PDB file of N, CA and C in Angstrom:
ATOM      1  N   UNK A   1       1.157  -1.811  80.055  1.00  0.00           N
ATOM      2  CA  UNK A   1       2.275  -2.148  80.900  1.00  0.00           C
ATOM      3  C   UNK A   1       2.222  -1.286  82.166  1.00  0.00           C
ATOM      4  N   UNK A   2       2.681  -1.847  83.255  1.00  0.00           N
ATOM      5  CA  UNK A   2       2.694  -1.156  84.532  1.00  0.00           C
ATOM      6  C   UNK A   2       4.111  -0.720  84.883  1.00  0.00           C
ATOM      7  N   UNK A   3       4.189   0.242  85.770  1.00  0.00           N
ATOM      8  CA  UNK A   3       5.475   0.802  86.165  1.00  0.00           C
ATOM      9  C   UNK A   3       5.512   0.938  87.678  1.00  0.00           C
ATOM     10  N   UNK A   4       6.706   0.776  88.271  1.00  0.00           N
ATOM     11  CA  UNK A   4       6.891   0.878  89.709  1.00  0.00           C
ATOM     12  C   UNK A   4       7.421   2.269  90.054  1.00  0.00           C
ATOM     13  N   UNK A   5       6.787   2.904  91.017  1.00  0.00           N
ATOM     14  CA  UNK A   5       7.269   4.176  91.542  1.00  0.00           C
ATOM     15  C   UNK A   5       8.358   3.844  92.565  1.00  0.00           C
ATOM     16  N   UNK A   6       9.611   4.084  92.200  1.00  0.00           N
ATOM     17  CA  UNK A   6      10.744   3.705  93.051  1.00  0.00           C
ATOM     18  C   UNK A   6      10.754   4.452  94.380  1.00  0.00           C
ATOM     19  N   UNK A   7      10.146   5.608  94.428  1.00  0.00           N
ATOM     20  CA  UNK A   7      10.091   6.381  95.682  1.00  0.00           C
ATOM     21  C   UNK A   7       9.189   5.678  96.702  1.00  0.00           C
ATOM     22  N   UNK A   8       8.116   5.041  96.235  1.00  0.00           N
ATOM     23  CA  UNK A   8       7.159   4.396  97.132  1.00  0.00           C
ATOM     24  C   UNK A   8       7.491   2.936  97.422  1.00  0.00           C
ATOM     25  N   UNK A   9       8.155   2.261  96.496  1.00  0.00           N
ATOM     26  CA  UNK A   9       8.443   0.831  96.639  1.00  0.00           C
ATOM     27  C   UNK A   9       9.388   0.595  97.822  1.00  0.00           C
ATOM     28  N   UNK A  10       8.999  -0.355  98.696  1.00  0.00           N
ATOM     29  CA  UNK A  10       9.831  -0.709  99.842  1.00  0.00           C
ATOM     30  C   UNK A  10      10.511  -2.064  99.652  1.00  0.00           C
ATOM     31  N   UNK A  11      10.297  -2.699  98.494  1.00  0.00           N
ATOM     32  CA  UNK A  11      10.955  -3.966  98.187  1.00  0.00           C
ATOM     33  C   UNK A  11      10.402  -5.157  98.934  1.00  0.00           C
ATOM     34  N   UNK A  12       9.122  -5.160  99.234  1.00  0.00           N
ATOM     35  CA  UNK A  12       8.515  -6.271  99.980  1.00  0.00           C
ATOM     36  C   UNK A  12       8.427  -7.552  99.151  1.00  0.00           C
ATOM     37  N   UNK A  13       8.300  -7.426  97.819  1.00  0.00           N
ATOM     38  CA  UNK A  13       8.275  -8.585  96.929  1.00  0.00           C
ATOM     39  C   UNK A  13       6.921  -9.247  96.754  1.00  0.00           C
ATOM     40  N   UNK A  14       5.879  -8.707  97.344  1.00  0.00           N
ATOM     41  CA  UNK A  14       4.544  -9.307  97.206  1.00  0.00           C
ATOM     42  C   UNK A  14       4.122  -9.354  95.742  1.00  0.00           C
ATOM     43  N   UNK A  15       4.436  -8.311  94.987  1.00  0.00           N
ATOM     44  CA  UNK A  15       4.050  -8.238  93.577  1.00  0.00           C
ATOM     45  C   UNK A  15       4.687  -9.348  92.736  1.00  0.00           C
ATOM     46  N   UNK A  16       5.878  -9.768  93.111  1.00  0.00           N
ATOM     47  CA  UNK A  16       6.575 -10.815  92.356  1.00  0.00           C
ATOM     48  C   UNK A  16       5.783 -12.119  92.401  1.00  0.00           C
ATOM     49  N   UNK A  17       5.226 -12.439  93.549  1.00  0.00           N
ATOM     50  CA  UNK A  17       4.491 -13.691  93.725  1.00  0.00           C
ATOM     51  C   UNK A  17       3.164 -13.759  92.991  1.00  0.00           C
ATOM     52  N   UNK A  18       2.568 -12.617  92.677  1.00  0.00           N
ATOM     53  CA  UNK A  18       1.257 -12.644  92.030  1.00  0.00           C
ATOM     54  C   UNK A  18       1.326 -12.469  90.512  1.00  0.00           C
ATOM     55  N   UNK A  19       2.461 -12.100  89.975  1.00  0.00           N
ATOM     56  CA  UNK A  19       2.577 -11.868  88.531  1.00  0.00           C
ATOM     57  C   UNK A  19       2.460 -13.185  87.769  1.00  0.00           C
ATOM     58  N   UNK A  20       1.428 -13.325  86.909  1.00  0.00           N
ATOM     59  CA  UNK A  20       1.222 -14.596  86.197  1.00  0.00           C
ATOM     60  C   UNK A  20       2.236 -14.857  85.088  1.00  0.00           C
ATOM     61  N   UNK A  21       2.958 -13.834  84.645  1.00  0.00           N
ATOM     62  CA  UNK A  21       3.915 -14.027  83.552  1.00  0.00           C
ATOM     63  C   UNK A  21       5.364 -13.786  83.982  1.00  0.00           C
ATOM     64  N   UNK A  22       5.575 -13.690  85.298  1.00  0.00           N
ATOM     65  CA  UNK A  22       6.919 -13.502  85.867  1.00  0.00           C
ATOM     66  C   UNK A  22       7.637 -12.303  85.251  1.00  0.00           C
ATOM     67  N   UNK A  23       6.935 -11.177  85.186  1.00  0.00           N
ATOM     68  CA  UNK A  23       7.493  -9.964  84.587  1.00  0.00           C
ATOM     69  C   UNK A  23       8.118  -9.033  85.617  1.00  0.00           C
ATOM     70  N   UNK A  24       8.109  -9.418  86.891  1.00  0.00           N
ATOM     71  CA  UNK A  24       8.632  -8.548  87.941  1.00  0.00           C
ATOM     72  C   UNK A  24       9.832  -9.197  88.609  1.00  0.00           C
ATOM     73  N   UNK A  25      10.869  -8.406  88.797  1.00  0.00           N
ATOM     74  CA  UNK A  25      12.066  -8.876  89.497  1.00  0.00           C
ATOM     75  C   UNK A  25      12.515  -7.784  90.467  1.00  0.00           C
ATOM     76  N   UNK A  26      13.460  -8.124  91.338  1.00  0.00           N
ATOM     77  CA  UNK A  26      14.010  -7.159  92.289  1.00  0.00           C
ATOM     78  C   UNK A  26      15.396  -6.731  91.820  1.00  0.00           C
ATOM     79  N   UNK A  27      15.604  -5.431  91.772  1.00  0.00           N
ATOM     80  CA  UNK A  27      16.910  -4.870  91.434  1.00  0.00           C
ATOM     81  C   UNK A  27      17.197  -3.739  92.410  1.00  0.00           C
ATOM     82  N   UNK A  28      18.308  -3.810  93.066  1.00  0.00           N
ATOM     83  CA  UNK A  28      18.720  -2.834  94.080  1.00  0.00           C
ATOM     84  C   UNK A  28      17.629  -2.590  95.119  1.00  0.00           C
ATOM     85  N   UNK A  29      16.971  -3.673  95.527  1.00  0.00           N
ATOM     86  CA  UNK A  29      15.984  -3.592  96.586  1.00  0.00           C
ATOM     87  C   UNK A  29      14.636  -3.028  96.185  1.00  0.00           C
ATOM     88  N   UNK A  30      14.395  -2.847  94.899  1.00  0.00           N
ATOM     89  CA  UNK A  30      13.128  -2.311  94.396  1.00  0.00           C
ATOM     90  C   UNK A  30      12.582  -3.238  93.307  1.00  0.00           C
ATOM     91  N   UNK A  31      11.264  -3.277  93.188  1.00  0.00           N
ATOM     92  CA  UNK A  31      10.629  -4.075  92.135  1.00  0.00           C
ATOM     93  C   UNK A  31      10.801  -3.375  90.793  1.00  0.00           C
ATOM     94  N   UNK A  32      11.026  -4.195  89.759  1.00  0.00           N
ATOM     95  CA  UNK A  32      11.173  -3.689  88.392  1.00  0.00           C
ATOM     96  C   UNK A  32      10.299  -4.560  87.491  1.00  0.00           C
ATOM     97  N   UNK A  33       9.502  -3.921  86.644  1.00  0.00           N
ATOM     98  CA  UNK A  33       8.622  -4.645  85.724  1.00  0.00           C
ATOM     99  C   UNK A  33       9.223  -4.589  84.333  1.00  0.00           C
ATOM    100  N   UNK A  34       9.393  -5.776  83.720  1.00  0.00           N
ATOM    101  CA  UNK A  34       9.997  -5.822  82.383  1.00  0.00           C
ATOM    102  C   UNK A  34       8.932  -5.863  81.290  1.00  0.00           C
ATOM    103  N   UNK A  35       9.373  -6.010  80.052  1.00  0.00           N
ATOM    104  CA  UNK A  35       8.455  -5.927  78.906  1.00  0.00           C
ATOM    105  C   UNK A  35       7.579  -7.165  78.711  1.00  0.00           C
ATOM    106  N   UNK A  36       7.681  -8.165  79.582  1.00  0.00           N
ATOM    107  CA  UNK A  36       6.773  -9.315  79.512  1.00  0.00           C
ATOM    108  C   UNK A  36       5.418  -8.999  80.127  1.00  0.00           C
ATOM    109  N   UNK A  37       5.282  -7.822  80.748  1.00  0.00           N
ATOM    110  CA  UNK A  37       4.048  -7.412  81.419  1.00  0.00           C
ATOM    111  C   UNK A  37       2.871  -7.428  80.440  1.00  0.00           C
ATOM    112  N   UNK A  38       1.756  -8.029  80.872  1.00  0.00           N
ATOM    113  CA  UNK A  38       0.551  -8.109  80.041  1.00  0.00           C
ATOM    114  C   UNK A  38      -0.548  -7.183  80.551  1.00  0.00           C
ATOM    115  N   UNK A  39      -0.205  -6.288  81.479  1.00  0.00           N
ATOM    116  CA  UNK A  39      -1.134  -5.286  82.015  1.00  0.00           C
ATOM    117  C   UNK A  39      -2.360  -5.885  82.686  1.00  0.00           C
ATOM    118  N   UNK A  40      -2.175  -6.974  83.418  1.00  0.00           N
ATOM    119  CA  UNK A  40      -3.310  -7.575  84.127  1.00  0.00           C
ATOM    120  C   UNK A  40      -3.659  -6.790  85.388  1.00  0.00           C
ATOM    121  N   UNK A  41      -2.695  -6.074  85.956  1.00  0.00           N
ATOM    122  CA  UNK A  41      -2.949  -5.236  87.118  1.00  0.00           C
ATOM    123  C   UNK A  41      -2.943  -5.940  88.458  1.00  0.00           C
ATOM    124  N   UNK A  42      -2.632  -7.243  88.488  1.00  0.00           N
ATOM    125  CA  UNK A  42      -2.631  -7.967  89.752  1.00  0.00           C
ATOM    126  C   UNK A  42      -1.576  -7.422  90.711  1.00  0.00           C
ATOM    127  N   UNK A  43      -0.443  -7.004  90.191  1.00  0.00           N
ATOM    128  CA  UNK A  43       0.621  -6.465  91.035  1.00  0.00           C
ATOM    129  C   UNK A  43       0.174  -5.172  91.713  1.00  0.00           C
ATOM    130  N   UNK A  44      -0.515  -4.320  90.987  1.00  0.00           N
ATOM    131  CA  UNK A  44      -0.993  -3.056  91.543  1.00  0.00           C
ATOM    132  C   UNK A  44      -2.046  -3.289  92.624  1.00  0.00           C
ATOM    133  N   UNK A  45      -2.831  -4.338  92.478  1.00  0.00           N
ATOM    134  CA  UNK A  45      -3.880  -4.627  93.453  1.00  0.00           C
ATOM    135  C   UNK A  45      -3.314  -5.083  94.793  1.00  0.00           C
ATOM    136  N   UNK A  46      -2.181  -5.773  94.788  1.00  0.00           N
ATOM    137  CA  UNK A  46      -1.636  -6.306  96.035  1.00  0.00           C
ATOM    138  C   UNK A  46      -0.559  -5.424  96.656  1.00  0.00           C
ATOM    139  N   UNK A  47      -0.104  -4.409  95.978  1.00  0.00           N
ATOM    140  CA  UNK A  47       0.981  -3.569  96.496  1.00  0.00           C
ATOM    141  C   UNK A  47       0.507  -2.782  97.727  1.00  0.00           C
ATOM    142  N   UNK A  48       1.106  -3.045  98.905  1.00  0.00           N
ATOM    143  CA  UNK A  48       0.666  -2.346 100.110  1.00  0.00           C
ATOM    144  C   UNK A  48       1.083  -0.871 100.140  1.00  0.00           C
ATOM    145  N   UNK A  49       2.029  -0.484  99.316  1.00  0.00           N
ATOM    146  CA  UNK A  49       2.500   0.894  99.283  1.00  0.00           C
ATOM    147  C   UNK A  49       1.874   1.701  98.147  1.00  0.00           C
ATOM    148  N   UNK A  50       1.022   1.052  97.336  1.00  0.00           N
ATOM    149  CA  UNK A  50       0.403   1.709  96.180  1.00  0.00           C
ATOM    150  C   UNK A  50       1.475   2.305  95.257  1.00  0.00           C
ATOM    151  N   UNK A  51       2.513   1.494  95.027  1.00  0.00           N
ATOM    152  CA  UNK A  51       3.666   1.956  94.251  1.00  0.00           C
ATOM    153  C   UNK A  51       3.629   1.533  92.788  1.00  0.00           C
ATOM    154  N   UNK A  52       2.616   0.777  92.381  1.00  0.00           N
ATOM    155  CA  UNK A  52       2.562   0.272  91.010  1.00  0.00           C
ATOM    156  C   UNK A  52       1.344   0.864  90.306  1.00  0.00           C
ATOM    157  N   UNK A  53       1.586   1.451  89.134  1.00  0.00           N
ATOM    158  CA  UNK A  53       0.536   2.123  88.372  1.00  0.00           C
ATOM    159  C   UNK A  53       0.715   1.841  86.878  1.00  0.00           C
ATOM    160  N   UNK A  54      -0.344   2.002  86.085  1.00  0.00           N
ATOM    161  CA  UNK A  54      -0.200   1.880  84.632  1.00  0.00           C
ATOM    162  C   UNK A  54       0.816   2.912  84.130  1.00  0.00           C
ATOM    163  N   UNK A  55       1.640   2.494  83.190  1.00  0.00           N
ATOM    164  CA  UNK A  55       2.640   3.385  82.612  1.00  0.00           C
ATOM    165  C   UNK A  55       1.956   4.385  81.685  1.00  0.00           C
ATOM    166  N   UNK A  56       2.059   5.680  81.961  1.00  0.00           N
ATOM    167  CA  UNK A  56       1.394   6.670  81.098  1.00  0.00           C
ATOM    168  C   UNK A  56       1.988   6.732  79.692  1.00  0.00           C
ATOM    169  N   UNK A  57       3.186   6.199  79.509  1.00  0.00           N
ATOM    170  CA  UNK A  57       3.814   6.176  78.184  1.00  0.00           C
ATOM    171  C   UNK A  57       3.184   5.116  77.286  1.00  0.00           C
ATOM    172  N   UNK A  58       2.592   4.101  77.893  1.00  0.00           N
ATOM    173  CA  UNK A  58       1.966   3.013  77.138  1.00  0.00           C
ATOM    174  C   UNK A  58       0.460   3.251  77.088  1.00  0.00           C
ATOM    175  N   UNK A  59      -0.164   2.976  75.955  1.00  0.00           N
ATOM    176  CA  UNK A  59      -1.623   3.115  75.834  1.00  0.00           C
ATOM    177  C   UNK A  59      -2.276   1.938  76.536  1.00  0.00           C
ATOM    178  N   UNK A  60      -3.107   2.168  77.556  1.00  0.00           N
ATOM    179  CA  UNK A  60      -3.767   1.066  78.242  1.00  0.00           C
ATOM    180  C   UNK A  60      -4.828   0.415  77.360  1.00  0.00           C
ATOM    181  N   UNK A  61      -5.079  -0.857  77.610  1.00  0.00           N
ATOM    182  CA  UNK A  61      -6.070  -1.596  76.825  1.00  0.00           C
ATOM    183  C   UNK A  61      -7.473  -1.053  77.030  1.00  0.00           C
ATOM    184  N   UNK A  62      -7.752  -0.537  78.189  1.00  0.00           N
ATOM    185  CA  UNK A  62      -9.098  -0.071  78.492  1.00  0.00           C
ATOM    186  C   UNK A  62      -9.413   1.310  77.940  1.00  0.00           C
ATOM    187  N   UNK A  63      -8.488   1.909  77.218  1.00  0.00           N
ATOM    188  CA  UNK A  63      -8.736   3.263  76.726  1.00  0.00           C
ATOM    189  C   UNK A  63      -9.728   3.291  75.580  1.00  0.00           C
ATOM    190  N   UNK A  64      -9.967   2.142  74.930  1.00  0.00           N
ATOM    191  CA  UNK A  64     -10.924   2.102  73.836  1.00  0.00           C
ATOM    192  C   UNK A  64     -10.311   2.447  72.496  1.00  0.00           C
ATOM    193  N   UNK A  65      -9.014   2.624  72.446  1.00  0.00           N
ATOM    194  CA  UNK A  65      -8.379   2.954  71.179  1.00  0.00           C
ATOM    195  C   UNK A  65      -7.532   1.802  70.686  1.00  0.00           C
ATOM    196  N   UNK A  66      -7.605   1.546  69.426  1.00  0.00           N
ATOM    197  CA  UNK A  66      -6.760   0.555  68.798  1.00  0.00           C
ATOM    198  C   UNK A  66      -5.553   1.297  68.238  1.00  0.00           C
ATOM    199  N   UNK A  67      -4.399   1.113  68.840  1.00  0.00           N
ATOM    200  CA  UNK A  67      -3.218   1.890  68.464  1.00  0.00           C
ATOM    201  C   UNK A  67      -2.767   1.629  67.027  1.00  0.00           C
ATOM    202  N   UNK A  68      -3.036   0.427  66.510  1.00  0.00           N
ATOM    203  CA  UNK A  68      -2.575   0.103  65.157  1.00  0.00           C
ATOM    204  C   UNK A  68      -3.369   0.840  64.084  1.00  0.00           C
ATOM    205  N   UNK A  69      -4.668   0.935  64.257  1.00  0.00           N
ATOM    206  CA  UNK A  69      -5.491   1.523  63.209  1.00  0.00           C
ATOM    207  C   UNK A  69      -5.987   2.919  63.538  1.00  0.00           C
ATOM    208  N   UNK A  70      -5.899   3.305  64.809  1.00  0.00           N
ATOM    209  CA  UNK A  70      -6.423   4.596  65.205  1.00  0.00           C
ATOM    210  C   UNK A  70      -7.939   4.607  65.335  1.00  0.00           C
ATOM    211  N   UNK A  71      -8.571   3.442  65.218  1.00  0.00           N
ATOM    212  CA  UNK A  71     -10.021   3.349  65.304  1.00  0.00           C
ATOM    213  C   UNK A  71     -10.443   3.081  66.740  1.00  0.00           C
ATOM    214  N   UNK A  72     -11.587   3.587  67.107  1.00  0.00           N
ATOM    215  CA  UNK A  72     -12.118   3.335  68.431  1.00  0.00           C
ATOM    216  C   UNK A  72     -12.757   1.961  68.454  1.00  0.00           C
ATOM    217  N   UNK A  73     -12.502   1.189  69.536  1.00  0.00           N
ATOM    218  CA  UNK A  73     -13.019  -0.163  69.626  1.00  0.00           C
ATOM    219  C   UNK A  73     -14.352  -0.239  70.340  1.00  0.00           C
ATOM    220  N   UNK A  74     -14.769   0.808  71.057  1.00  0.00           N
ATOM    221  CA  UNK A  74     -16.046   0.826  71.775  1.00  0.00           C
ATOM    222  C   UNK A  74     -16.192  -0.359  72.712  1.00  0.00           C
ATOM    223  N   UNK A  75     -15.232  -0.533  73.583  1.00  0.00           N
ATOM    224  CA  UNK A  75     -15.253  -1.636  74.526  1.00  0.00           C
ATOM    225  C   UNK A  75     -16.441  -1.490  75.458  1.00  0.00           C
ATOM    226  N   UNK A  76     -17.212  -2.558  75.584  1.00  0.00           N
ATOM    227  CA  UNK A  76     -18.320  -2.587  76.520  1.00  0.00           C
ATOM    228  C   UNK A  76     -19.604  -1.964  76.011  1.00  0.00           C
ATOM    229  N   UNK A  77     -19.610  -1.402  74.849  1.00  0.00           N
ATOM    230  CA  UNK A  77     -20.840  -0.797  74.350  1.00  0.00           C
ATOM    231  C   UNK A  77     -21.715  -1.856  73.710  1.00  0.00           C
ATOM    232  N   UNK A  78     -22.992  -1.681  73.810  1.00  0.00           N
ATOM    233  CA  UNK A  78     -23.929  -2.619  73.200  1.00  0.00           C
ATOM    234  C   UNK A  78     -24.221  -3.811  74.081  1.00  0.00           C
ATOM    235  N   UNK A  79     -23.733  -3.789  75.308  1.00  0.00           N
ATOM    236  CA  UNK A  79     -23.976  -4.915  76.201  1.00  0.00           C
ATOM    237  C   UNK A  79     -24.975  -4.492  77.268  1.00  0.00           C
ATOM    238  N   UNK A  80     -25.626  -5.440  77.844  1.00  0.00           N
ATOM    239  CA  UNK A  80     -26.586  -5.141  78.898  1.00  0.00           C
ATOM    240  C   UNK A  80     -27.977  -4.963  78.325  1.00  0.00           C
ATOM    241  N   UNK A  81     -28.795  -4.222  79.035  1.00  0.00           N
ATOM    242  CA  UNK A  81     -30.170  -4.029  78.593  1.00  0.00           C
ATOM    243  C   UNK A  81     -30.210  -3.161  77.352  1.00  0.00           C
ATOM    244  N   UNK A  82     -30.949  -3.614  76.386  1.00  0.00           N
ATOM    245  CA  UNK A  82     -31.057  -2.857  75.146  1.00  0.00           C
ATOM    246  C   UNK A  82     -32.198  -1.875  75.175  1.00  0.00           C
ATOM    247  N   UNK A  83     -32.150  -0.936  74.272  1.00  0.00           N
ATOM    248  CA  UNK A  83     -33.215   0.040  74.151  1.00  0.00           C
ATOM    249  C   UNK A  83     -33.996  -0.173  72.879  1.00  0.00           C
ATOM    250  N   UNK A  84     -34.019  -1.410  72.391  1.00  0.00           N
ATOM    251  CA  UNK A  84     -34.664  -1.706  71.131  1.00  0.00           C
ATOM    252  C   UNK A  84     -36.174  -1.591  71.186  1.00  0.00           C
ATOM    253  N   UNK A  85     -36.798  -1.628  70.024  1.00  0.00           N
ATOM    254  CA  UNK A  85     -38.238  -1.446  69.913  1.00  0.00           C
ATOM    255  C   UNK A  85     -39.020  -2.716  70.242  1.00  0.00           C
ATOM    256  N   UNK A  86     -38.428  -3.862  70.114  1.00  0.00           N
ATOM    257  CA  UNK A  86     -39.155  -5.093  70.395  1.00  0.00           C
ATOM    258  C   UNK A  86     -40.022  -5.507  69.216  1.00  0.00           C
ATOM    259  N   UNK A  87     -40.886  -6.480  69.444  1.00  0.00           N
ATOM    260  CA  UNK A  87     -41.724  -7.016  68.373  1.00  0.00           C
ATOM    261  C   UNK A  87     -43.066  -6.316  68.246  1.00  0.00           C
ATOM    262  N   UNK A  88     -43.570  -5.744  69.321  1.00  0.00           N
ATOM    263  CA  UNK A  88     -44.883  -5.109  69.273  1.00  0.00           C
ATOM    264  C   UNK A  88     -44.780  -3.736  68.644  1.00  0.00           C
ATOM    265  N   UNK A  89     -45.791  -3.394  67.889  1.00  0.00           N
ATOM    266  CA  UNK A  89     -45.767  -2.129  67.163  1.00  0.00           C
ATOM    267  C   UNK A  89     -46.721  -1.086  67.747  1.00  0.00           C
ATOM    268  N   UNK A  90     -47.480  -1.445  68.730  1.00  0.00           N
ATOM    269  CA  UNK A  90     -48.413  -0.499  69.315  1.00  0.00           C
ATOM    270  C   UNK A  90     -49.167  -1.116  70.461  1.00  0.00           C
ATOM    271  N   UNK A  91     -49.968  -0.342  71.168  1.00  0.00           N
ATOM    272  CA  UNK A  91     -50.733  -0.885  72.295  1.00  0.00           C
ATOM    273  C   UNK A  91     -51.812  -1.857  71.810  1.00  0.00           C
ATOM    274  N   UNK A  92     -52.198  -2.771  72.676  1.00  0.00           N
ATOM    275  CA  UNK A  92     -53.188  -3.777  72.319  1.00  0.00           C
ATOM    276  C   UNK A  92     -54.580  -3.431  72.854  1.00  0.00           C
ATOM    277  N   UNK A  93     -54.833  -2.210  73.137  1.00  0.00           N
ATOM    278  CA  UNK A  93     -56.131  -1.856  73.714  1.00  0.00           C
ATOM    279  C   UNK A  93     -57.056  -1.177  72.709  1.00  0.00           C
ATOM    280  N   UNK A  94     -56.786  -1.274  71.456  1.00  0.00           N
ATOM    281  CA  UNK A  94     -57.670  -0.716  70.455  1.00  0.00           C
ATOM    282  C   UNK A  94     -57.310   0.693  70.028  1.00  0.00           C
ATOM    283  N   UNK A  95     -56.364   1.303  70.712  1.00  0.00           N
ATOM    284  CA  UNK A  95     -56.018   2.679  70.359  1.00  0.00           C
ATOM    285  C   UNK A  95     -54.930   2.755  69.287  1.00  0.00           C
ATOM    286  N   UNK A  96     -54.364   1.630  68.942  1.00  0.00           N
ATOM    287  CA  UNK A  96     -53.286   1.673  67.977  1.00  0.00           C
ATOM    288  C   UNK A  96     -53.320   0.487  67.053  1.00  0.00           C
ATOM    289  N   UNK A  97     -52.246   0.263  66.386  1.00  0.00           N
ATOM    290  CA  UNK A  97     -52.207  -0.808  65.399  1.00  0.00           C
ATOM    291  C   UNK A  97     -51.601  -2.084  65.911  1.00  0.00           C
ATOM    292  N   UNK A  98     -51.645  -2.324  67.216  1.00  0.00           N
ATOM    293  CA  UNK A  98     -51.060  -3.543  67.758  1.00  0.00           C
ATOM    294  C   UNK A  98     -51.871  -4.771  67.382  1.00  0.00           C
ATOM    295  N   UNK A  99     -51.193  -5.894  67.275  1.00  0.00           N
ATOM    296  CA  UNK A  99     -51.884  -7.139  66.925  1.00  0.00           C
ATOM    297  C   UNK A  99     -52.678  -7.687  68.101  1.00  0.00           C
ATOM    298  N   UNK A 100     -53.834  -8.226  67.855  1.00  0.00           N
ATOM    299  CA  UNK A 100     -54.625  -8.909  68.874  1.00  0.00           C
ATOM    300  C   UNK A 100     -55.423  -7.994  69.778  1.00  0.00           C
ATOM    301  N   UNK A 101     -55.389  -6.737  69.496  1.00  0.00           N
ATOM    302  CA  UNK A 101     -56.131  -5.806  70.343  1.00  0.00           C
ATOM    303  C   UNK A 101     -57.603  -5.726  69.927  1.00  0.00           C
ATOM    304  N   UNK A 102     -58.334  -4.919  70.629  1.00  0.00           N
ATOM    305  CA  UNK A 102     -59.753  -4.760  70.336  1.00  0.00           C
ATOM    306  C   UNK A 102     -59.931  -3.695  69.252  1.00  0.00           C
ATOM    307  N   UNK A 103     -59.197  -3.821  68.217  1.00  0.00           N
ATOM    308  CA  UNK A 103     -59.257  -2.834  67.140  1.00  0.00           C
ATOM    309  C   UNK A 103     -60.455  -2.995  66.247  1.00  0.00           C
ATOM    310  N   UNK A 104     -60.436  -2.374  65.126  1.00  0.00           N
ATOM    311  CA  UNK A 104     -61.558  -2.376  64.187  1.00  0.00           C
ATOM    312  C   UNK A 104     -61.754  -3.715  63.499  1.00  0.00           C
ATOM    313  N   UNK A 105     -60.787  -4.540  63.426  1.00  0.00           N
ATOM    314  CA  UNK A 105     -60.883  -5.773  62.635  1.00  0.00           C
ATOM    315  C   UNK A 105     -61.412  -6.839  63.482  1.00  0.00           C
TER     316      UNK A 105
END
């Protein structure tokens, strides 16, 4: 969930228009984010005053922790280029046990 810094907010209302779940309203000339917030961060991206930030009281989704179980979720790990061994077991130039090389067989 995100929170509005009331000191920085000038009440421009830009954040209200970009919220996909209509979780932002204006109260006393300042933006207020309610509990419908899904932490998408679109409001923080468009705020010209940089007045919207993740709420430190709420655990962000990107922290890698599952609050219910206390287990780490390892978000983003194991993706991209792997460091696996592949199918070949050695060089093919006769110096090792690779298949199809100029070995002893």
